[in-house]
Amino acid sequence: MRATEILIEEHVMIKQVLNSLSRAKEYIENGKLPSKSFFEKAIRFSHDFSDKFHHFKEEFLMFGILAQKKKGYLDWEIGALRYQHERCRKCIKEIEAAVNGNIEENEILTTTLLENIAMYISILQRHIYQEDNVFLPMVEKLLPEEEKQFILEQFSKEEDRIGGKNMYESCKKLADELAAMIEDENILIEKT
């Protein structure tokens, strides 16, 4: 499997979590609040999978190698993708702060939660679209096979360093749990 294919496959799991968060957003908009444990799992997924497992490979491995090899040619595209990662991290921090507050009784926290979920979903959907349809095909076109193989080897080393298959499976389980939780209306709290 190619490095670009690995990233696209990982995007599928991220989109699964975005779908769960989108459902949570709809519930909040209609006066129902998913449980704190739902959000804690979503936050853990974002930290563990999106940042440590996935974005690290993009930002510090693929983007770094590309920036070095192409000597500024892709700086604008790489900068935009890194900016989107940073905005998503900020949204997750705001979501976490809201969830750790007395959200059931505080409309400001509920609004903060809602706006950051919406922004997180929107940014990541756009980000994934750009990577899958523009950036990663460009990588395939621009880099020679030996450099693509080098990136793939670096991905493997990094995955092994942070837990490899166990980390992936743990995060997949989290994504599946989130999907199941958001379908269970018993996790919802009526918000007035």
N, C-alpha and C. Protein backbone atom coordinates (compact mmCIF):
# COMPACT_ATOMS: atom_id res chain seq x y z
N MET A 1 0.85 -1.18 0.00
CA MET A 1 0.00 0.00 0.00
C MET A 1 0.89 1.25 0.00
N ARG A 2 0.48 2.26 -0.72
CA ARG A 2 1.22 3.51 -0.80
C ARG A 2 0.90 4.39 0.41
N ALA A 3 1.80 5.32 0.71
CA ALA A 3 1.60 6.25 1.84
C ALA A 3 0.33 7.07 1.63
N THR A 4 0.10 7.51 0.40
CA THR A 4 -1.11 8.30 0.12
C THR A 4 -2.37 7.47 0.35
N GLU A 5 -2.33 6.20 0.01
CA GLU A 5 -3.49 5.32 0.22
C GLU A 5 -3.75 5.11 1.71
N ILE A 6 -2.69 5.02 2.50
CA ILE A 6 -2.83 4.89 3.95
C ILE A 6 -3.55 6.11 4.51
N LEU A 7 -3.13 7.29 4.08
CA LEU A 7 -3.76 8.52 4.58
C LEU A 7 -5.23 8.58 4.17
N ILE A 8 -5.54 8.21 2.95
CA ILE A 8 -6.93 8.21 2.48
C ILE A 8 -7.76 7.21 3.28
N GLU A 9 -7.20 6.05 3.57
CA GLU A 9 -7.90 5.05 4.38
C GLU A 9 -8.15 5.58 5.80
N GLU A 10 -7.19 6.26 6.35
CA GLU A 10 -7.36 6.85 7.69
C GLU A 10 -8.41 7.95 7.67
N HIS A 11 -8.53 8.65 6.56
CA HIS A 11 -9.57 9.68 6.44
C HIS A 11 -10.96 9.08 6.58
N VAL A 12 -11.13 7.85 6.14
CA VAL A 12 -12.44 7.18 6.24
C VAL A 12 -12.86 7.09 7.71
N MET A 13 -11.93 6.71 8.57
CA MET A 13 -12.25 6.61 10.00
C MET A 13 -12.53 8.00 10.59
N ILE A 14 -11.76 8.99 10.20
CA ILE A 14 -12.00 10.35 10.68
C ILE A 14 -13.38 10.83 10.23
N LYS A 15 -13.76 10.54 9.00
CA LYS A 15 -15.09 10.93 8.52
C LYS A 15 -16.21 10.22 9.29
N GLN A 16 -15.95 8.98 9.73
CA GLN A 16 -16.93 8.27 10.55
C GLN A 16 -17.19 9.05 11.84
N VAL A 17 -16.12 9.53 12.46
CA VAL A 17 -16.26 10.31 13.69
C VAL A 17 -16.93 11.65 13.40
N LEU A 18 -16.61 12.27 12.28
CA LEU A 18 -17.27 13.52 11.90
C LEU A 18 -18.77 13.31 11.74
N ASN A 19 -19.17 12.17 11.20
CA ASN A 19 -20.60 11.87 11.07
C ASN A 19 -21.26 11.77 12.44
N SER A 20 -20.58 11.13 13.39
CA SER A 20 -21.12 11.03 14.76
C SER A 20 -21.22 12.41 15.39
N LEU A 21 -20.21 13.23 15.20
CA LEU A 21 -20.25 14.59 15.75
C LEU A 21 -21.34 15.43 15.07
N SER A 22 -21.57 15.18 13.81
CA SER A 22 -22.64 15.90 13.09
C SER A 22 -24.00 15.56 13.69
N ARG A 23 -24.20 14.29 14.01
CA ARG A 23 -25.44 13.87 14.67
C ARG A 23 -25.56 14.53 16.04
N ALA A 24 -24.44 14.58 16.79
CA ALA A 24 -24.45 15.23 18.10
C ALA A 24 -24.83 16.70 17.96
N LYS A 25 -24.31 17.35 16.95
CA LYS A 25 -24.62 18.76 16.69
C LYS A 25 -26.12 18.94 16.44
N GLU A 26 -26.70 18.04 15.65
CA GLU A 26 -28.14 18.11 15.39
C GLU A 26 -28.95 17.95 16.68
N TYR A 27 -28.53 17.03 17.52
CA TYR A 27 -29.22 16.86 18.80
C TYR A 27 -29.15 18.13 19.63
N ILE A 28 -27.96 18.71 19.72
CA ILE A 28 -27.79 19.93 20.52
C ILE A 28 -28.68 21.05 19.98
N GLU A 29 -28.72 21.18 18.66
CA GLU A 29 -29.54 22.22 18.04
C GLU A 29 -31.03 22.03 18.36
N ASN A 30 -31.41 20.80 18.69
CA ASN A 30 -32.81 20.49 19.00
C ASN A 30 -33.04 20.25 20.49
N GLY A 31 -32.17 20.81 21.32
CA GLY A 31 -32.41 20.81 22.76
C GLY A 31 -32.02 19.55 23.51
N LYS A 32 -31.27 18.67 22.89
CA LYS A 32 -30.82 17.46 23.56
C LYS A 32 -29.29 17.43 23.54
N LEU A 33 -28.71 17.01 24.66
CA LEU A 33 -27.27 17.03 24.81
C LEU A 33 -26.74 15.61 24.96
N PRO A 34 -25.87 15.17 24.05
CA PRO A 34 -25.25 13.85 24.24
C PRO A 34 -24.44 13.82 25.54
N SER A 35 -24.23 12.64 26.06
CA SER A 35 -23.54 12.49 27.34
C SER A 35 -22.11 13.00 27.27
N LYS A 36 -21.60 13.32 28.46
CA LYS A 36 -20.22 13.78 28.57
C LYS A 36 -19.26 12.70 28.06
N SER A 37 -19.57 11.43 28.31
CA SER A 37 -18.67 10.35 27.87
C SER A 37 -18.58 10.29 26.35
N PHE A 38 -19.65 10.65 25.65
CA PHE A 38 -19.59 10.70 24.18
C PHE A 38 -18.52 11.70 23.75
N PHE A 39 -18.57 12.90 24.33
CA PHE A 39 -17.61 13.93 23.95
C PHE A 39 -16.19 13.58 24.40
N GLU A 40 -16.06 12.96 25.56
CA GLU A 40 -14.73 12.55 26.02
C GLU A 40 -14.10 11.56 25.05
N LYS A 41 -14.90 10.64 24.52
CA LYS A 41 -14.38 9.68 23.54
C LYS A 41 -14.02 10.38 22.23
N ALA A 42 -14.83 11.33 21.82
CA ALA A 42 -14.53 12.07 20.58
C ALA A 42 -13.24 12.87 20.73
N ILE A 43 -13.06 13.47 21.90
CA ILE A 43 -11.84 14.23 22.16
C ILE A 43 -10.63 13.30 22.18
N ARG A 44 -10.77 12.15 22.84
CA ARG A 44 -9.67 11.18 22.88
C ARG A 44 -9.33 10.70 21.47
N PHE A 45 -10.34 10.45 20.65
CA PHE A 45 -10.10 10.05 19.27
C PHE A 45 -9.30 11.12 18.54
N SER A 46 -9.71 12.37 18.70
CA SER A 46 -9.02 13.46 18.02
C SER A 46 -7.56 13.55 18.46
N HIS A 47 -7.33 13.46 19.76
CA HIS A 47 -5.95 13.54 20.26
C HIS A 47 -5.12 12.33 19.79
N ASP A 48 -5.66 11.14 20.00
CA ASP A 48 -4.89 9.93 19.74
C ASP A 48 -4.76 9.62 18.25
N PHE A 49 -5.88 9.63 17.55
CA PHE A 49 -5.82 9.22 16.14
C PHE A 49 -5.49 10.39 15.22
N SER A 50 -6.32 11.43 15.28
CA SER A 50 -6.13 12.53 14.33
C SER A 50 -4.76 13.18 14.50
N ASP A 51 -4.41 13.56 15.74
CA ASP A 51 -3.15 14.27 15.95
C ASP A 51 -1.94 13.36 16.03
N LYS A 52 -1.93 12.42 16.94
CA LYS A 52 -0.74 11.60 17.16
C LYS A 52 -0.48 10.62 16.02
N PHE A 53 -1.52 10.00 15.52
CA PHE A 53 -1.35 8.93 14.55
C PHE A 53 -1.37 9.45 13.11
N HIS A 54 -2.37 10.25 12.79
CA HIS A 54 -2.59 10.65 11.39
C HIS A 54 -1.90 11.97 11.04
N HIS A 55 -2.24 13.05 11.72
CA HIS A 55 -1.68 14.36 11.36
C HIS A 55 -0.17 14.39 11.53
N PHE A 56 0.36 13.64 12.50
CA PHE A 56 1.81 13.61 12.67
C PHE A 56 2.47 13.09 11.38
N LYS A 57 1.90 12.03 10.80
CA LYS A 57 2.47 11.49 9.55
C LYS A 57 2.40 12.53 8.44
N GLU A 58 1.29 13.25 8.38
CA GLU A 58 1.16 14.27 7.34
C GLU A 58 2.13 15.42 7.58
N GLU A 59 2.02 16.04 8.76
CA GLU A 59 2.76 17.27 9.03
C GLU A 59 4.27 17.08 9.12
N PHE A 60 4.68 16.11 9.90
CA PHE A 60 6.10 15.99 10.20
C PHE A 60 6.85 15.03 9.29
N LEU A 61 6.12 14.15 8.63
CA LEU A 61 6.79 13.23 7.71
C LEU A 61 6.57 13.65 6.27
N MET A 62 5.34 13.52 5.77
CA MET A 62 5.10 13.82 4.36
C MET A 62 5.35 15.29 4.04
N PHE A 63 4.75 16.21 4.81
CA PHE A 63 4.91 17.62 4.51
C PHE A 63 6.37 18.04 4.64
N GLY A 64 7.04 17.56 5.68
CA GLY A 64 8.44 17.92 5.89
C GLY A 64 9.33 17.46 4.76
N ILE A 65 9.13 16.22 4.33
CA ILE A 65 9.92 15.68 3.22
C ILE A 65 9.62 16.43 1.93
N LEU A 66 8.35 16.70 1.70
CA LEU A 66 7.98 17.43 0.48
C LEU A 66 8.56 18.85 0.48
N ALA A 67 8.47 19.53 1.60
CA ALA A 67 9.00 20.89 1.68
C ALA A 67 10.50 20.89 1.39
N GLN A 68 11.19 19.92 1.94
CA GLN A 68 12.64 19.82 1.73
C GLN A 68 12.96 19.47 0.27
N LYS A 69 12.25 18.53 -0.29
CA LYS A 69 12.53 18.07 -1.65
C LYS A 69 12.13 19.10 -2.71
N LYS A 70 11.04 19.80 -2.48
CA LYS A 70 10.52 20.70 -3.51
C LYS A 70 10.92 22.16 -3.30
N LYS A 71 11.71 22.42 -2.27
CA LYS A 71 12.32 23.73 -2.03
C LYS A 71 11.37 24.92 -2.25
N GLY A 72 10.26 24.89 -1.53
CA GLY A 72 9.32 26.01 -1.57
C GLY A 72 8.18 25.89 -2.55
N TYR A 73 8.26 24.94 -3.47
CA TYR A 73 7.23 24.81 -4.51
C TYR A 73 5.84 24.54 -3.92
N LEU A 74 5.78 23.79 -2.80
CA LEU A 74 4.50 23.43 -2.20
C LEU A 74 4.23 24.13 -0.87
N ASP A 75 5.01 25.15 -0.56
CA ASP A 75 4.88 25.80 0.74
C ASP A 75 3.47 26.34 1.00
N TRP A 76 2.86 26.93 0.00
CA TRP A 76 1.52 27.49 0.17
C TRP A 76 0.52 26.40 0.51
N GLU A 77 0.52 25.30 -0.25
CA GLU A 77 -0.40 24.19 0.00
C GLU A 77 -0.15 23.55 1.36
N ILE A 78 1.12 23.32 1.68
CA ILE A 78 1.48 22.71 2.96
C ILE A 78 1.09 23.64 4.11
N GLY A 79 1.33 24.92 3.96
CA GLY A 79 0.96 25.89 4.99
C GLY A 79 -0.54 25.92 5.25
N ALA A 80 -1.33 25.84 4.19
CA ALA A 80 -2.80 25.83 4.34
C ALA A 80 -3.26 24.58 5.08
N LEU A 81 -2.69 23.43 4.74
CA LEU A 81 -3.08 22.19 5.41
C LEU A 81 -2.66 22.20 6.88
N ARG A 82 -1.49 22.71 7.18
CA ARG A 82 -1.05 22.82 8.58
C ARG A 82 -1.95 23.78 9.36
N TYR A 83 -2.32 24.87 8.73
CA TYR A 83 -3.22 25.84 9.36
C TYR A 83 -4.54 25.17 9.73
N GLN A 84 -5.07 24.37 8.81
CA GLN A 84 -6.32 23.67 9.09
C GLN A 84 -6.16 22.71 10.27
N HIS A 85 -5.03 22.02 10.35
CA HIS A 85 -4.77 21.15 11.51
C HIS A 85 -4.80 21.97 12.80
N GLU A 86 -4.15 23.12 12.79
CA GLU A 86 -4.10 23.96 13.99
C GLU A 86 -5.49 24.45 14.39
N ARG A 87 -6.27 24.85 13.41
CA ARG A 87 -7.65 25.31 13.70
C ARG A 87 -8.46 24.17 14.31
N CYS A 88 -8.28 22.96 13.82
CA CYS A 88 -9.00 21.81 14.38
C CYS A 88 -8.56 21.54 15.81
N ARG A 89 -7.27 21.66 16.08
CA ARG A 89 -6.78 21.47 17.46
C ARG A 89 -7.40 22.51 18.40
N LYS A 90 -7.52 23.73 17.91
CA LYS A 90 -8.13 24.78 18.72
C LYS A 90 -9.60 24.46 18.99
N CYS A 91 -10.31 23.97 18.00
CA CYS A 91 -11.72 23.59 18.19
C CYS A 91 -11.84 22.49 19.24
N ILE A 92 -10.97 21.51 19.18
CA ILE A 92 -11.02 20.41 20.15
C ILE A 92 -10.75 20.94 21.56
N LYS A 93 -9.83 21.86 21.71
CA LYS A 93 -9.57 22.46 23.04
C LYS A 93 -10.82 23.17 23.55
N GLU A 94 -11.50 23.89 22.67
CA GLU A 94 -12.72 24.59 23.07
C GLU A 94 -13.85 23.61 23.41
N ILE A 95 -13.96 22.55 22.63
CA ILE A 95 -14.96 21.51 22.92
C ILE A 95 -14.68 20.90 24.28
N GLU A 96 -13.41 20.57 24.53
CA GLU A 96 -13.02 19.97 25.80
C GLU A 96 -13.32 20.91 26.97
N ALA A 97 -13.03 22.18 26.83
CA ALA A 97 -13.31 23.14 27.90
C ALA A 97 -14.81 23.24 28.16
N ALA A 98 -15.60 23.26 27.10
CA ALA A 98 -17.06 23.34 27.27
C ALA A 98 -17.60 22.10 27.96
N VAL A 99 -17.15 20.94 27.52
CA VAL A 99 -17.63 19.68 28.09
C VAL A 99 -17.23 19.54 29.55
N ASN A 100 -16.09 20.09 29.92
CA ASN A 100 -15.63 20.01 31.31
C ASN A 100 -16.33 21.02 32.22
N GLY A 101 -17.11 21.91 31.65
CA GLY A 101 -17.88 22.87 32.44
C GLY A 101 -19.25 22.30 32.76
N ASN A 102 -20.08 23.10 33.35
CA ASN A 102 -21.44 22.70 33.71
C ASN A 102 -22.35 22.96 32.52
N ILE A 103 -22.14 22.17 31.50
CA ILE A 103 -22.78 22.42 30.21
C ILE A 103 -24.31 22.29 30.24
N GLU A 104 -24.80 21.41 31.11
CA GLU A 104 -26.26 21.20 31.16
C GLU A 104 -27.00 22.47 31.56
N GLU A 105 -26.34 23.34 32.34
CA GLU A 105 -27.01 24.52 32.87
C GLU A 105 -26.45 25.83 32.32
N ASN A 106 -25.48 25.76 31.44
CA ASN A 106 -24.81 26.97 30.98
C ASN A 106 -24.94 27.10 29.47
N GLU A 107 -25.80 28.00 29.04
CA GLU A 107 -26.06 28.17 27.61
C GLU A 107 -24.84 28.70 26.85
N ILE A 108 -23.99 29.46 27.53
CA ILE A 108 -22.77 29.95 26.87
C ILE A 108 -21.87 28.77 26.52
N LEU A 109 -21.73 27.83 27.46
CA LEU A 109 -20.91 26.63 27.18
C LEU A 109 -21.54 25.79 26.07
N THR A 110 -22.86 25.70 26.07
CA THR A 110 -23.54 24.95 25.01
C THR A 110 -23.30 25.59 23.66
N THR A 111 -23.36 26.90 23.61
CA THR A 111 -23.10 27.62 22.36
C THR A 111 -21.65 27.43 21.92
N THR A 112 -20.73 27.51 22.88
CA THR A 112 -19.31 27.28 22.58
C THR A 112 -19.11 25.88 22.02
N LEU A 113 -19.73 24.91 22.65
CA LEU A 113 -19.65 23.52 22.18
C LEU A 113 -20.18 23.42 20.75
N LEU A 114 -21.36 23.95 20.53
CA LEU A 114 -22.01 23.87 19.23
C LEU A 114 -21.19 24.53 18.12
N GLU A 115 -20.70 25.73 18.37
CA GLU A 115 -19.97 26.43 17.32
C GLU A 115 -18.64 25.74 17.01
N ASN A 116 -17.99 25.16 18.01
CA ASN A 116 -16.71 24.50 17.77
C ASN A 116 -16.89 23.13 17.13
N ILE A 117 -17.97 22.44 17.44
CA ILE A 117 -18.26 21.19 16.73
C ILE A 117 -18.50 21.51 15.25
N ALA A 118 -19.31 22.53 14.99
CA ALA A 118 -19.62 22.90 13.60
C ALA A 118 -18.36 23.30 12.85
N MET A 119 -17.51 24.10 13.49
CA MET A 119 -16.28 24.54 12.82
C MET A 119 -15.35 23.36 12.58
N TYR A 120 -15.20 22.50 13.58
CA TYR A 120 -14.34 21.32 13.46
C TYR A 120 -14.77 20.44 12.29
N ILE A 121 -16.06 20.16 12.22
CA ILE A 121 -16.59 19.33 11.13
C ILE A 121 -16.33 20.00 9.78
N SER A 122 -16.65 21.26 9.68
CA SER A 122 -16.51 21.98 8.41
C SER A 122 -15.06 22.02 7.94
N ILE A 123 -14.16 22.38 8.85
CA ILE A 123 -12.75 22.47 8.48
C ILE A 123 -12.21 21.10 8.06
N LEU A 124 -12.51 20.07 8.86
CA LEU A 124 -11.96 18.74 8.53
C LEU A 124 -12.56 18.16 7.27
N GLN A 125 -13.84 18.40 7.01
CA GLN A 125 -14.42 17.90 5.76
C GLN A 125 -13.74 18.55 4.56
N ARG A 126 -13.53 19.85 4.63
CA ARG A 126 -12.83 20.56 3.55
C ARG A 126 -11.39 20.08 3.43
N HIS A 127 -10.73 19.93 4.57
CA HIS A 127 -9.34 19.49 4.62
C HIS A 127 -9.18 18.11 3.97
N ILE A 128 -10.03 17.18 4.36
CA ILE A 128 -9.96 15.82 3.81
C ILE A 128 -10.24 15.84 2.31
N TYR A 129 -11.21 16.64 1.89
CA TYR A 129 -11.50 16.75 0.46
C TYR A 129 -10.26 17.24 -0.29
N GLN A 130 -9.64 18.30 0.22
CA GLN A 130 -8.46 18.85 -0.45
C GLN A 130 -7.33 17.83 -0.51
N GLU A 131 -7.09 17.13 0.59
CA GLU A 131 -6.01 16.15 0.59
C GLU A 131 -6.31 15.00 -0.38
N ASP A 132 -7.50 14.44 -0.28
CA ASP A 132 -7.84 13.27 -1.10
C ASP A 132 -7.89 13.59 -2.59
N ASN A 133 -8.36 14.79 -2.94
CA ASN A 133 -8.61 15.11 -4.34
C ASN A 133 -7.60 16.03 -5.01
N VAL A 134 -6.79 16.73 -4.20
CA VAL A 134 -5.83 17.66 -4.79
C VAL A 134 -4.40 17.32 -4.33
N PHE A 135 -4.18 17.39 -3.03
CA PHE A 135 -2.82 17.30 -2.52
C PHE A 135 -2.20 15.91 -2.71
N LEU A 136 -2.89 14.87 -2.29
CA LEU A 136 -2.31 13.52 -2.39
C LEU A 136 -2.12 13.07 -3.84
N PRO A 137 -3.05 13.37 -4.75
CA PRO A 137 -2.75 13.07 -6.16
C PRO A 137 -1.54 13.85 -6.67
N MET A 138 -1.35 15.09 -6.17
CA MET A 138 -0.18 15.88 -6.56
C MET A 138 1.10 15.20 -6.05
N VAL A 139 1.05 14.69 -4.82
CA VAL A 139 2.20 13.97 -4.26
C VAL A 139 2.56 12.79 -5.16
N GLU A 140 1.55 12.03 -5.56
CA GLU A 140 1.78 10.86 -6.42
C GLU A 140 2.41 11.27 -7.74
N LYS A 141 2.01 12.42 -8.25
CA LYS A 141 2.53 12.88 -9.54
C LYS A 141 3.94 13.47 -9.42
N LEU A 142 4.21 14.19 -8.33
CA LEU A 142 5.46 14.93 -8.22
C LEU A 142 6.66 14.11 -7.73
N LEU A 143 6.41 13.15 -6.85
CA LEU A 143 7.53 12.44 -6.23
C LEU A 143 7.90 11.18 -7.01
N PRO A 144 9.19 10.94 -7.16
CA PRO A 144 9.62 9.68 -7.77
C PRO A 144 9.34 8.51 -6.81
N GLU A 145 9.31 7.32 -7.36
CA GLU A 145 8.96 6.12 -6.57
C GLU A 145 9.85 5.91 -5.36
N GLU A 146 11.14 6.19 -5.48
CA GLU A 146 12.02 5.96 -4.32
C GLU A 146 11.68 6.91 -3.16
N GLU A 147 11.24 8.12 -3.45
CA GLU A 147 10.86 9.04 -2.39
C GLU A 147 9.52 8.63 -1.78
N LYS A 148 8.61 8.13 -2.61
CA LYS A 148 7.34 7.62 -2.09
C LYS A 148 7.60 6.43 -1.16
N GLN A 149 8.52 5.58 -1.55
CA GLN A 149 8.87 4.42 -0.73
C GLN A 149 9.51 4.86 0.58
N PHE A 150 10.34 5.89 0.53
CA PHE A 150 10.96 6.43 1.74
C PHE A 150 9.90 6.94 2.71
N ILE A 151 8.90 7.67 2.20
CA ILE A 151 7.81 8.19 3.04
C ILE A 151 7.04 7.02 3.66
N LEU A 152 6.77 6.00 2.87
CA LEU A 152 6.07 4.82 3.37
C LEU A 152 6.85 4.16 4.51
N GLU A 153 8.15 4.04 4.35
CA GLU A 153 9.00 3.47 5.41
C GLU A 153 8.97 4.34 6.67
N GLN A 154 8.98 5.66 6.49
CA GLN A 154 8.91 6.56 7.64
C GLN A 154 7.56 6.44 8.35
N PHE A 155 6.49 6.27 7.58
CA PHE A 155 5.17 6.05 8.17
C PHE A 155 5.19 4.81 9.05
N SER A 156 5.77 3.74 8.53
CA SER A 156 5.82 2.48 9.27
C SER A 156 6.61 2.63 10.57
N LYS A 157 7.75 3.30 10.50
CA LYS A 157 8.56 3.53 11.70
C LYS A 157 7.80 4.35 12.73
N GLU A 158 7.12 5.39 12.28
CA GLU A 158 6.37 6.24 13.20
C GLU A 158 5.19 5.49 13.81
N GLU A 159 4.49 4.71 13.00
CA GLU A 159 3.38 3.92 13.53
C GLU A 159 3.87 2.96 14.60
N ASP A 160 5.00 2.30 14.35
CA ASP A 160 5.57 1.38 15.33
C ASP A 160 5.93 2.11 16.62
N ARG A 161 6.46 3.32 16.50
CA ARG A 161 6.86 4.10 17.66
C ARG A 161 5.68 4.43 18.57
N ILE A 162 4.51 4.68 17.99
CA ILE A 162 3.35 5.08 18.79
C ILE A 162 2.33 3.97 19.01
N GLY A 163 2.68 2.76 18.67
CA GLY A 163 1.79 1.65 18.98
C GLY A 163 1.22 0.92 17.78
N GLY A 164 1.52 1.38 16.59
CA GLY A 164 1.16 0.71 15.36
C GLY A 164 -0.26 0.18 15.28
N LYS A 165 -0.39 -1.09 14.99
CA LYS A 165 -1.69 -1.73 14.79
C LYS A 165 -2.56 -1.62 16.03
N ASN A 166 -1.97 -1.71 17.22
CA ASN A 166 -2.75 -1.58 18.45
C ASN A 166 -3.39 -0.20 18.56
N MET A 167 -2.63 0.84 18.23
CA MET A 167 -3.16 2.20 18.27
C MET A 167 -4.29 2.35 17.26
N TYR A 168 -4.08 1.85 16.06
CA TYR A 168 -5.10 1.93 15.01
C TYR A 168 -6.37 1.22 15.47
N GLU A 169 -6.22 0.01 15.97
CA GLU A 169 -7.39 -0.78 16.40
C GLU A 169 -8.11 -0.12 17.57
N SER A 170 -7.37 0.44 18.50
CA SER A 170 -7.96 1.14 19.64
C SER A 170 -8.78 2.33 19.17
N CYS A 171 -8.25 3.07 18.21
CA CYS A 171 -8.96 4.23 17.67
C CYS A 171 -10.15 3.82 16.82
N LYS A 172 -10.04 2.73 16.10
CA LYS A 172 -11.17 2.21 15.33
C LYS A 172 -12.31 1.83 16.27
N LYS A 173 -11.94 1.21 17.39
CA LYS A 173 -12.94 0.85 18.40
C LYS A 173 -13.64 2.11 18.93
N LEU A 174 -12.86 3.16 19.20
CA LEU A 174 -13.44 4.43 19.66
C LEU A 174 -14.41 4.99 18.63
N ALA A 175 -14.01 4.98 17.35
CA ALA A 175 -14.87 5.49 16.28
C ALA A 175 -16.18 4.70 16.22
N ASP A 176 -16.08 3.39 16.34
CA ASP A 176 -17.27 2.53 16.32
C ASP A 176 -18.15 2.78 17.55
N GLU A 177 -17.53 2.96 18.71
CA GLU A 177 -18.28 3.25 19.94
C GLU A 177 -19.04 4.57 19.80
N LEU A 178 -18.38 5.57 19.24
CA LEU A 178 -19.04 6.86 19.04
C LEU A 178 -20.26 6.72 18.13
N ALA A 179 -20.11 5.96 17.06
CA ALA A 179 -21.22 5.75 16.12
C ALA A 179 -22.38 5.05 16.82
N ALA A 180 -22.07 4.05 17.64
CA ALA A 180 -23.12 3.33 18.37
C ALA A 180 -23.76 4.22 19.43
N MET A 181 -22.93 4.98 20.15
CA MET A 181 -23.46 5.84 21.21
C MET A 181 -24.43 6.87 20.67
N ILE A 182 -24.11 7.49 19.56
CA ILE A 182 -24.95 8.58 19.07
C ILE A 182 -26.28 8.05 18.51
N GLU A 183 -26.33 6.75 18.22
CA GLU A 183 -27.59 6.14 17.79
C GLU A 183 -28.47 5.77 18.97
N ASP A 184 -27.89 5.74 20.18
CA ASP A 184 -28.61 5.35 21.39
C ASP A 184 -29.14 6.61 22.07
N GLU A 185 -30.44 6.83 21.96
CA GLU A 185 -31.02 8.05 22.51
C GLU A 185 -30.99 8.08 24.04
N ASN A 186 -30.62 6.97 24.67
CA ASN A 186 -30.49 6.93 26.14
C ASN A 186 -29.33 7.77 26.63
N ILE A 187 -28.40 8.13 25.74
CA ILE A 187 -27.26 8.96 26.16
C ILE A 187 -27.60 10.44 26.13
N LEU A 188 -28.81 10.77 25.69
CA LEU A 188 -29.17 12.17 25.54
C LEU A 188 -29.78 12.74 26.82
N ILE A 189 -29.40 13.97 27.09
CA ILE A 189 -29.92 14.70 28.23
C ILE A 189 -30.82 15.81 27.66
N GLU A 190 -32.03 15.91 28.15
CA GLU A 190 -32.93 16.98 27.71
C GLU A 190 -32.39 18.30 28.21
N LYS A 191 -32.15 19.24 27.32
CA LYS A 191 -31.59 20.54 27.69
C LYS A 191 -32.68 21.58 27.52
N THR A 192 -32.89 22.35 28.53
CA THR A 192 -33.96 23.37 28.44
C THR A 192 -33.39 24.76 28.39
